[in-house]
Amino acid sequence: MTAGIVIIGGGIASLECARHLRRNGYAGRITILSAEAVLPYERPVLSKAALGNGKTQIPLLTSEDELHAADIRFCLQQRAEQIVRPEHYVLTADGRRHYYNQLVIATGAQPKRLVTAGSDLAGVFYLREWSDAVALRDALIEAASVVVIGGGLIGLEVASAMLEHGKQVTVVEGTAFIMSRSLPSALSLFALNRLSTDGVDFALGRTVCGISGEGRVRGVVLDNGTELLTDAVVCGIGAVPNDSLAFSAGLKTSDGVHTDRHGRTSDANIFAIGDAAHWGALDSPAGKRYETYNDAIFQAHVVAASICDQVSDGSMLSTFWSDQHGLQIQGAGDAQGDTTVIRHAGNAQTISALVLKSGQAIGAFAINAPADFSALKRFVGRRIQPATAALIADPGIQLRLLLCELERVAA
């Protein structure tokens, strides 16, 4: 039997890569090495349903039966310690050698840690694994107030979950906008106004100077001297890619494992996907890390196709969704351009936008407007003339029909 394919990591990217290898006709050995004690599960719920009242079961993405039927060896509690490239094997913590013909690194990322006085006190939480969500949920039973540090997607989802369960919530964000990396400013302000109205307090443009308390959290001290008294602190200040294995193996890394747009690293037999990958960095300085659930699945499919010598388009249109206390937020592409075409439905309940750069659409975003988002996403990559932008901004225009007309004229 040949060595086959080894995949390091136990998340959605690993599972989807293995599934698509089989669907693409790969008949060799597939081994997944996971440091966790459970099969892959839905991580987006960690900042949502998992924080709710009651005992939520782990939402597994697969089963032993599926894995057996697909002949995928899933090795739990097998932490990869070293990639030995000359001999093509992965060494795990128990001393076993797992030989490969091709290797896929899907090691994910870990939460960026708060570096300040008191950050190690009891009552400071991070979310990455199911056990983190369970620990936070249990701590919140007696908590009346929560401070969330970080106004990105994860931080706002946590804040929304806390609000739904009657907690007093304050979000501390170092910039002037929430979700500034994910949304254009107009949609950020729309979400801020809605969440503020619903009861979330915000400290924008403020940084954390320390966590107060003796043995346990009492408050969060800001750069202006304000102390926010609280029973718990949740940190959502970003993630750091788990690329140390790749770095130690001599692969090119910097903010993730560098790949081309088909996921291949600086070693032709090794690929990287998901949060650990700096996708496209070997092809262009414009390479970046994509950190959403949808992105991980897309990259897994691309790499599975590449390994099976099938043609696939590895160019990324990053997409995400987020549910926040009545706000359904969707996005695709880049949020920062030089022009933003705003589309309101006229009822102050929805908003959508197309982001342009040098006249080309680079991103589509919507809040509570899924039909608009579906249509606007199809504009991404096109050149948008001023007359077309005016039509897009007109809530009386059906975007689907506008697209059809533009395609008819182009033909």
Protein backbone atom coordinates (compact mmCIF):
# COMPACT_ATOMS: atom_id res chain seq x y z
CA MET A 1 0.00 0.00 0.00
CA THR A 2 1.31 3.46 -0.87
CA ALA A 3 1.64 6.12 1.81
CA GLY A 4 -1.29 8.12 0.45
CA ILE A 5 -2.42 11.49 1.75
CA VAL A 6 -2.04 12.77 5.30
CA ILE A 7 -4.09 15.77 6.47
CA ILE A 8 -3.06 17.57 9.66
CA GLY A 9 -5.98 19.17 11.51
CA GLY A 10 -9.41 18.14 12.69
CA GLY A 11 -11.72 20.86 11.39
CA ILE A 12 -14.06 21.48 8.49
CA ALA A 13 -11.21 22.11 6.02
CA SER A 14 -9.65 18.69 6.70
CA LEU A 15 -12.97 16.88 6.47
CA GLU A 16 -14.04 18.60 3.26
CA CYS A 17 -10.67 17.96 1.63
CA ALA A 18 -10.93 14.24 2.44
CA ARG A 19 -14.53 14.05 1.22
CA HIS A 20 -13.69 15.72 -2.07
CA LEU A 21 -10.64 13.59 -2.64
CA ARG A 22 -12.97 10.60 -2.61
CA ARG A 23 -15.58 12.34 -4.77
CA ASN A 24 -12.85 13.20 -7.27
CA GLY A 25 -11.93 9.54 -7.54
CA TYR A 26 -8.89 9.34 -5.27
CA ALA A 27 -8.62 5.68 -4.20
CA GLY A 28 -5.50 5.81 -2.03
CA ARG A 29 -5.06 5.97 1.71
CA ILE A 30 -6.38 9.10 3.48
CA THR A 31 -5.34 9.79 7.08
CA ILE A 32 -6.49 12.77 9.14
CA LEU A 33 -4.49 13.62 12.26
CA SER A 34 -6.48 15.61 14.82
CA ALA A 35 -5.25 16.85 18.19
CA GLU A 36 -8.84 17.08 19.45
CA ALA A 37 -10.77 14.33 21.20
CA VAL A 38 -13.92 14.66 19.04
CA LEU A 39 -14.76 14.51 15.35
CA PRO A 40 -15.07 17.80 13.39
CA TYR A 41 -17.93 20.03 14.51
CA GLU A 42 -19.58 23.31 13.57
CA ARG A 43 -17.34 26.05 14.94
CA PRO A 44 -19.54 29.04 13.98
CA VAL A 45 -21.98 28.07 16.75
CA LEU A 46 -19.29 28.64 19.39
CA SER A 47 -20.19 32.33 19.43
CA LYS A 48 -23.91 31.70 18.96
CA ALA A 49 -26.06 28.74 20.03
CA ALA A 50 -23.37 27.12 22.17
CA LEU A 51 -23.57 30.09 24.56
CA GLY A 52 -27.31 29.69 25.08
CA ASN A 53 -29.11 28.29 28.08
CA GLY A 54 -29.21 24.53 28.52
CA LYS A 55 -26.91 21.74 27.39
CA THR A 56 -26.30 22.03 23.66
CA GLN A 57 -24.87 18.91 22.04
CA ILE A 58 -21.73 19.18 19.97
CA PRO A 59 -22.92 19.69 16.36
CA LEU A 60 -20.76 17.08 14.65
CA LEU A 61 -20.12 17.40 10.92
CA THR A 62 -19.56 13.71 10.31
CA SER A 63 -19.88 10.29 11.91
CA GLU A 64 -17.83 7.16 12.35
CA ASP A 65 -20.16 5.48 9.86
CA GLU A 66 -19.50 8.08 7.14
CA LEU A 67 -15.77 7.95 7.67
CA HIS A 68 -15.74 4.16 7.58
CA ALA A 69 -17.85 4.07 4.41
CA ALA A 70 -15.46 6.54 2.72
CA ASP A 71 -12.40 4.67 4.01
CA ILE A 72 -11.02 7.77 5.73
CA ARG A 73 -8.79 7.10 8.74
CA PHE A 74 -9.58 9.78 11.32
CA CYS A 75 -7.04 9.67 14.17
CA LEU A 76 -8.22 11.54 17.28
CA GLN A 77 -5.84 12.91 19.92
CA GLN A 78 -2.94 12.58 17.51
CA ARG A 79 -1.04 15.86 17.76
CA ALA A 80 1.45 16.42 14.93
CA GLU A 81 4.85 17.38 16.32
CA GLN A 82 7.08 17.45 13.25
CA ILE A 83 6.98 17.29 9.44
CA VAL A 84 10.01 15.38 8.16
CA ARG A 85 10.09 16.42 4.52
CA PRO A 86 13.11 14.41 3.28
CA GLU A 87 11.48 11.15 4.36
CA HIS A 88 7.86 12.25 3.75
CA TYR A 89 6.35 11.57 7.16
CA VAL A 90 4.61 13.36 10.00
CA LEU A 91 5.72 12.55 13.54
CA THR A 92 2.95 12.63 16.17
CA ALA A 93 3.33 13.16 19.91
CA ASP A 94 3.08 9.42 20.61
CA GLY A 95 6.11 8.75 18.42
CA ARG A 96 4.27 7.33 15.43
CA ARG A 97 5.35 8.09 11.89
CA HIS A 98 2.61 8.79 9.35
CA TYR A 99 4.07 8.58 5.85
CA TYR A 100 2.62 10.60 2.98
CA ASN A 101 2.86 11.09 -0.75
CA GLN A 102 1.02 14.41 -0.40
CA LEU A 103 0.48 16.31 2.83
CA VAL A 104 -2.25 18.87 3.57
CA ILE A 105 -1.73 21.32 6.44
CA ALA A 106 -5.07 22.41 7.91
CA THR A 107 -3.96 23.32 11.41
CA GLY A 108 -6.22 26.35 11.76
CA ALA A 109 -5.53 29.30 14.02
CA GLN A 110 -5.61 30.18 17.69
CA PRO A 111 -7.08 33.26 19.36
CA LYS A 112 -4.75 36.21 19.70
CA ARG A 113 -4.07 36.67 23.39
CA LEU A 114 -4.62 39.89 25.28
CA VAL A 115 -1.27 41.12 26.62
CA THR A 116 -1.98 43.36 29.58
CA ALA A 117 -1.97 43.31 33.36
CA GLY A 118 -4.61 40.95 34.71
CA SER A 119 -5.19 39.11 31.45
CA ASP A 120 -4.56 35.80 33.24
CA LEU A 121 -7.28 36.32 35.85
CA ALA A 122 -10.14 33.86 36.17
CA GLY A 123 -13.12 35.10 34.20
CA VAL A 124 -11.18 36.02 31.03
CA PHE A 125 -12.34 33.86 28.13
CA TYR A 126 -11.42 33.09 24.53
CA LEU A 127 -13.42 31.09 21.99
CA ARG A 128 -11.81 28.53 19.73
CA GLU A 129 -12.90 25.06 20.78
CA TRP A 130 -16.12 23.54 22.10
CA SER A 131 -14.69 23.34 25.61
CA ASP A 132 -14.11 27.12 25.54
CA ALA A 133 -17.78 27.75 24.76
CA VAL A 134 -18.92 25.35 27.50
CA ALA A 135 -16.66 27.03 30.07
CA LEU A 136 -17.97 30.48 29.13
CA ARG A 137 -21.59 29.32 29.11
CA ASP A 138 -21.23 27.84 32.60
CA ALA A 139 -19.55 30.99 33.92
CA LEU A 140 -22.35 33.15 32.55
CA ILE A 141 -25.02 31.45 34.64
CA GLU A 142 -24.19 33.72 37.56
CA ALA A 143 -22.90 36.69 35.53
CA ALA A 144 -24.95 39.85 35.16
CA SER A 145 -22.49 41.79 33.00
CA VAL A 146 -19.98 40.98 30.29
CA VAL A 147 -17.30 43.05 28.56
CA VAL A 148 -16.38 41.91 25.06
CA ILE A 149 -12.97 43.11 23.88
CA GLY A 150 -12.96 43.37 20.09
CA GLY A 151 -15.69 44.68 17.80
CA GLY A 152 -15.24 42.23 14.94
CA LEU A 153 -17.63 39.55 13.78
CA ILE A 154 -16.87 37.11 16.61
CA GLY A 155 -17.02 39.80 19.29
CA LEU A 156 -20.36 41.09 18.03
CA GLU A 157 -21.83 37.60 17.79
CA VAL A 158 -20.84 36.97 21.41
CA ALA A 159 -22.29 40.33 22.45
CA SER A 160 -25.54 39.51 20.65
CA ALA A 161 -25.77 36.13 22.37
CA MET A 162 -25.21 37.78 25.74
CA LEU A 163 -27.89 40.36 25.01
CA GLU A 164 -30.40 37.66 24.14
CA HIS A 165 -29.81 36.08 27.54
CA GLY A 166 -30.35 39.23 29.51
CA LYS A 167 -26.77 40.24 30.22
CA GLN A 168 -25.49 43.80 30.36
CA VAL A 169 -22.97 43.96 27.51
CA THR A 170 -20.23 46.44 26.66
CA VAL A 171 -18.05 46.08 23.56
CA VAL A 172 -14.60 47.70 23.57
CA GLU A 173 -13.17 48.38 20.11
CA GLY A 174 -9.94 50.19 19.31
CA THR A 175 -11.16 51.74 16.06
CA ALA A 176 -14.03 54.11 15.32
CA PHE A 177 -16.10 51.40 13.60
CA ILE A 178 -17.32 47.94 14.49
CA MET A 179 -16.59 45.10 12.03
CA SER A 180 -14.31 47.51 10.17
CA ARG A 181 -12.41 44.73 8.36
CA SER A 182 -15.60 43.02 7.25
CA LEU A 183 -18.06 45.78 6.30
CA PRO A 184 -18.00 49.15 4.54
CA SER A 185 -18.49 52.01 6.98
CA ALA A 186 -22.13 52.68 6.08
CA LEU A 187 -23.15 49.14 7.00
CA SER A 188 -20.96 49.24 10.10
CA LEU A 189 -22.83 52.34 11.28
CA PHE A 190 -26.17 50.72 10.46
CA ALA A 191 -25.29 47.69 12.61
CA LEU A 192 -23.91 49.92 15.39
CA ASN A 193 -27.14 51.93 15.57
CA ARG A 194 -29.31 48.83 15.65
CA LEU A 195 -27.25 47.03 18.29
CA SER A 196 -27.00 50.19 20.41
CA THR A 197 -30.76 50.62 20.26
CA ASP A 198 -31.18 47.00 21.34
CA GLY A 199 -29.02 47.56 24.42
CA VAL A 200 -25.36 46.90 23.62
CA ASP A 201 -23.02 49.57 25.00
CA PHE A 202 -19.96 50.48 22.96
CA ALA A 203 -16.60 52.02 23.87
CA LEU A 204 -15.20 52.85 20.42
CA GLY A 205 -11.73 54.21 19.82
CA ARG A 206 -10.64 52.86 23.20
CA THR A 207 -7.91 50.39 24.09
CA VAL A 208 -7.59 48.14 27.13
CA CYS A 209 -4.84 49.05 29.64
CA GLY A 210 -5.53 46.30 32.15
CA ILE A 211 -7.92 43.85 33.76
CA SER A 212 -8.64 44.63 37.41
CA GLY A 213 -9.43 42.12 40.14
CA GLU A 214 -7.86 39.87 42.76
CA GLY A 215 -7.86 36.29 41.59
CA ARG A 216 -10.92 36.97 39.46
CA VAL A 217 -12.03 39.67 37.02
CA ARG A 218 -13.62 42.75 38.53
CA GLY A 219 -13.32 45.22 35.67
CA VAL A 220 -11.68 46.34 32.44
CA VAL A 221 -9.53 49.47 32.60
CA LEU A 222 -9.48 51.61 29.44
CA ASP A 223 -6.85 54.01 28.15
CA ASN A 224 -8.88 57.02 29.33
CA GLY A 225 -8.91 55.72 32.91
CA THR A 226 -12.48 54.43 32.83
CA GLU A 227 -13.05 51.11 34.62
CA LEU A 228 -15.87 48.98 33.23
CA LEU A 229 -17.06 46.78 36.09
CA THR A 230 -17.92 43.31 34.88
CA ASP A 231 -18.38 39.68 35.87
CA ALA A 232 -16.69 38.23 32.78
CA VAL A 233 -14.48 39.27 29.88
CA VAL A 234 -14.53 37.70 26.40
CA CYS A 235 -11.61 38.48 24.09
CA GLY A 236 -12.17 38.48 20.35
CA ILE A 237 -9.17 40.45 19.08
CA GLY A 238 -8.17 38.30 16.14
CA ALA A 239 -6.45 35.02 15.42
CA VAL A 240 -2.89 33.82 14.86
CA PRO A 241 -2.32 31.06 12.27
CA ASN A 242 -0.93 27.76 13.53
CA ASP A 243 1.99 27.69 11.11
CA SER A 244 4.83 26.64 13.44
CA LEU A 245 4.92 23.07 12.06
CA ALA A 246 5.34 24.41 8.54
CA PHE A 247 7.95 26.95 9.65
CA SER A 248 9.99 24.29 11.45
CA ALA A 249 9.82 22.12 8.33
CA GLY A 250 11.37 24.90 6.26
CA LEU A 251 8.26 25.88 4.33
CA LYS A 252 7.75 29.53 3.45
CA THR A 253 5.62 31.18 6.12
CA SER A 254 4.64 34.65 7.24
CA ASP A 255 1.21 35.19 8.76
CA GLY A 256 0.36 31.66 7.66
CA VAL A 257 1.74 29.02 5.32
CA HIS A 258 2.38 30.58 1.91
CA THR A 259 0.63 28.86 -1.00
CA ASP A 260 -0.12 29.48 -4.63
CA ARG A 261 -3.75 29.96 -5.68
CA HIS A 262 -4.19 26.19 -5.82
CA GLY A 263 -3.03 25.68 -2.24
CA ARG A 264 0.42 24.28 -3.04
CA THR A 265 3.19 25.43 -0.70
CA SER A 266 6.90 25.96 -1.40
CA ASP A 267 7.15 22.14 -1.30
CA ALA A 268 5.30 20.69 -4.31
CA ASN A 269 4.07 17.72 -2.24
CA ILE A 270 2.60 19.82 0.58
CA PHE A 271 -0.58 21.92 0.52
CA ALA A 272 -2.19 24.26 3.06
CA ILE A 273 -5.83 25.27 3.55
CA GLY A 274 -8.07 27.14 5.96
CA ASP A 275 -7.03 29.59 8.65
CA ALA A 276 -3.41 28.38 8.55
CA ALA A 277 -2.94 29.21 4.85
CA HIS A 278 -1.70 32.50 3.41
CA TRP A 279 -3.54 31.81 0.16
CA GLY A 280 -1.99 32.98 -3.10
CA ALA A 281 1.09 34.50 -1.42
CA LEU A 282 3.47 32.52 -3.64
CA ASP A 283 1.79 33.99 -6.73
CA SER A 284 1.32 37.60 -5.71
CA PRO A 285 1.95 40.10 -2.89
CA ALA A 286 -1.85 40.35 -2.80
CA GLY A 287 -2.09 36.92 -1.16
CA LYS A 288 -3.97 36.90 2.14
CA ARG A 289 -5.39 34.74 4.88
CA TYR A 290 -9.07 33.91 4.52
CA GLU A 291 -10.68 33.09 7.83
CA THR A 292 -14.30 32.17 7.23
CA TYR A 293 -16.12 28.86 7.20
CA ASN A 294 -17.00 29.21 3.51
CA ASP A 295 -13.41 30.05 2.60
CA ALA A 296 -12.08 26.92 4.30
CA ILE A 297 -14.51 24.74 2.35
CA PHE A 298 -13.63 26.41 -0.95
CA GLN A 299 -9.89 25.95 -0.39
CA ALA A 300 -10.40 22.31 0.59
CA HIS A 301 -12.20 21.66 -2.70
CA VAL A 302 -9.46 23.41 -4.70
CA VAL A 303 -6.69 21.38 -3.07
CA ALA A 304 -8.57 18.10 -3.48
CA ALA A 305 -8.91 18.87 -7.20
CA SER A 306 -5.23 19.81 -7.48
CA ILE A 307 -4.10 16.56 -5.85
CA CYS A 308 -6.30 14.62 -8.28
CA ASP A 309 -4.82 16.55 -11.23
CA GLN A 310 -8.15 18.17 -12.01
CA VAL A 311 -8.50 21.74 -13.25
CA SER A 312 -9.95 24.16 -10.72
CA ASP A 313 -10.08 27.92 -10.41
CA GLY A 314 -8.30 28.80 -7.20
CA SER A 315 -9.13 32.51 -7.30
CA MET A 316 -10.96 33.41 -4.11
CA LEU A 317 -14.12 35.43 -3.54
CA SER A 318 -14.22 35.37 0.22
CA THR A 319 -17.75 35.12 1.66
CA PHE A 320 -19.17 35.21 5.18
CA TRP A 321 -22.39 35.47 7.12
CA SER A 322 -23.14 36.55 10.68
CA ASP A 323 -26.35 36.59 12.73
CA GLN A 324 -26.47 39.31 15.36
CA HIS A 325 -29.63 39.95 17.38
CA GLY A 326 -31.98 40.26 14.43
CA LEU A 327 -29.32 41.31 11.93
CA GLN A 328 -28.54 38.93 9.09
CA ILE A 329 -25.18 40.12 7.80
CA GLN A 330 -23.70 38.80 4.55
CA GLY A 331 -20.54 39.73 2.71
CA ALA A 332 -18.41 38.79 -0.27
CA GLY A 333 -15.07 40.24 -1.36
CA ASP A 334 -13.30 43.33 -0.05
CA ALA A 335 -14.99 45.95 2.10
CA GLN A 336 -12.50 48.76 1.49
CA GLY A 337 -12.53 50.53 -1.85
CA ASP A 338 -12.74 54.11 -3.09
CA THR A 339 -16.49 54.23 -3.77
CA THR A 340 -19.44 52.58 -2.04
CA VAL A 341 -22.81 52.33 -3.75
CA ILE A 342 -25.44 52.22 -0.99
CA ARG A 343 -28.88 50.73 -1.48
CA HIS A 344 -31.63 51.25 1.13
CA ALA A 345 -35.01 49.58 1.03
CA GLY A 346 -36.60 52.74 2.38
CA ASN A 347 -37.83 51.17 5.63
CA ALA A 348 -34.65 51.59 7.70
CA GLN A 349 -34.62 47.84 8.31
CA THR A 350 -32.29 46.80 5.50
CA ILE A 351 -29.21 48.08 3.75
CA SER A 352 -26.90 46.72 1.07
CA ALA A 353 -23.82 47.97 -0.74
CA LEU A 354 -21.52 47.38 -3.67
CA VAL A 355 -17.90 48.44 -3.07
CA LEU A 356 -15.88 49.74 -6.02
CA LYS A 357 -12.20 50.35 -6.57
CA SER A 358 -11.11 52.27 -9.67
CA GLY A 359 -14.54 51.59 -11.16
CA GLN A 360 -14.48 47.83 -10.59
CA ALA A 361 -16.76 46.07 -8.13
CA ILE A 362 -14.67 44.33 -5.46
CA GLY A 363 -17.22 43.54 -2.76
CA ALA A 364 -20.92 43.05 -2.03
CA PHE A 365 -22.52 43.36 1.42
CA ALA A 366 -25.99 43.33 2.91
CA ILE A 367 -27.83 43.47 6.22
CA ASN A 368 -31.29 41.87 6.28
CA ALA A 369 -31.36 41.92 2.46
CA PRO A 370 -30.49 38.40 1.23
CA ALA A 371 -32.05 38.91 -2.23
CA ASP A 372 -29.99 42.07 -2.75
CA PHE A 373 -26.86 40.27 -1.60
CA SER A 374 -27.42 37.38 -3.99
CA ALA A 375 -27.69 39.80 -6.90
CA LEU A 376 -24.94 42.22 -5.85
CA LYS A 377 -22.48 39.37 -5.46
CA ARG A 378 -22.83 38.72 -9.20
CA PHE A 379 -21.61 42.26 -9.92
CA VAL A 380 -18.26 41.61 -8.20
CA GLY A 381 -15.46 41.61 -10.75
CA ARG A 382 -17.37 43.76 -13.25
CA ARG A 383 -16.61 47.34 -14.23
CA ILE A 384 -19.45 49.56 -13.03
CA GLN A 385 -20.26 52.70 -14.99
CA PRO A 386 -21.71 55.72 -13.10
CA ALA A 387 -25.10 55.22 -14.76
CA THR A 388 -25.17 51.60 -13.62
CA ALA A 389 -24.14 52.59 -10.10
CA ALA A 390 -27.08 55.00 -9.96
CA LEU A 391 -29.46 52.21 -10.97
CA ILE A 392 -27.99 49.87 -8.35
CA ALA A 393 -28.57 52.52 -5.66
CA ASP A 394 -32.22 52.95 -6.69
CA PRO A 395 -34.37 50.73 -4.41
CA GLY A 396 -37.07 50.73 -7.08
CA ILE A 397 -34.83 48.82 -9.48
CA GLN A 398 -34.87 45.03 -9.36
CA LEU A 399 -31.23 44.04 -9.33
CA ARG A 400 -31.88 40.65 -10.88
CA LEU A 401 -33.52 42.27 -13.89
CA LEU A 402 -30.73 44.85 -14.12
CA LEU A 403 -28.18 42.06 -14.24
CA CYS A 404 -30.09 40.30 -16.99
CA GLU A 405 -30.21 43.51 -19.03
CA LEU A 406 -26.49 44.17 -18.57
CA GLU A 407 -25.67 40.61 -19.63
CA ARG A 408 -27.93 40.93 -22.68
CA VAL A 409 -26.22 44.17 -23.76
CA ALA A 410 -22.77 42.66 -23.19
CA ALA A 411 -23.65 39.67 -25.37
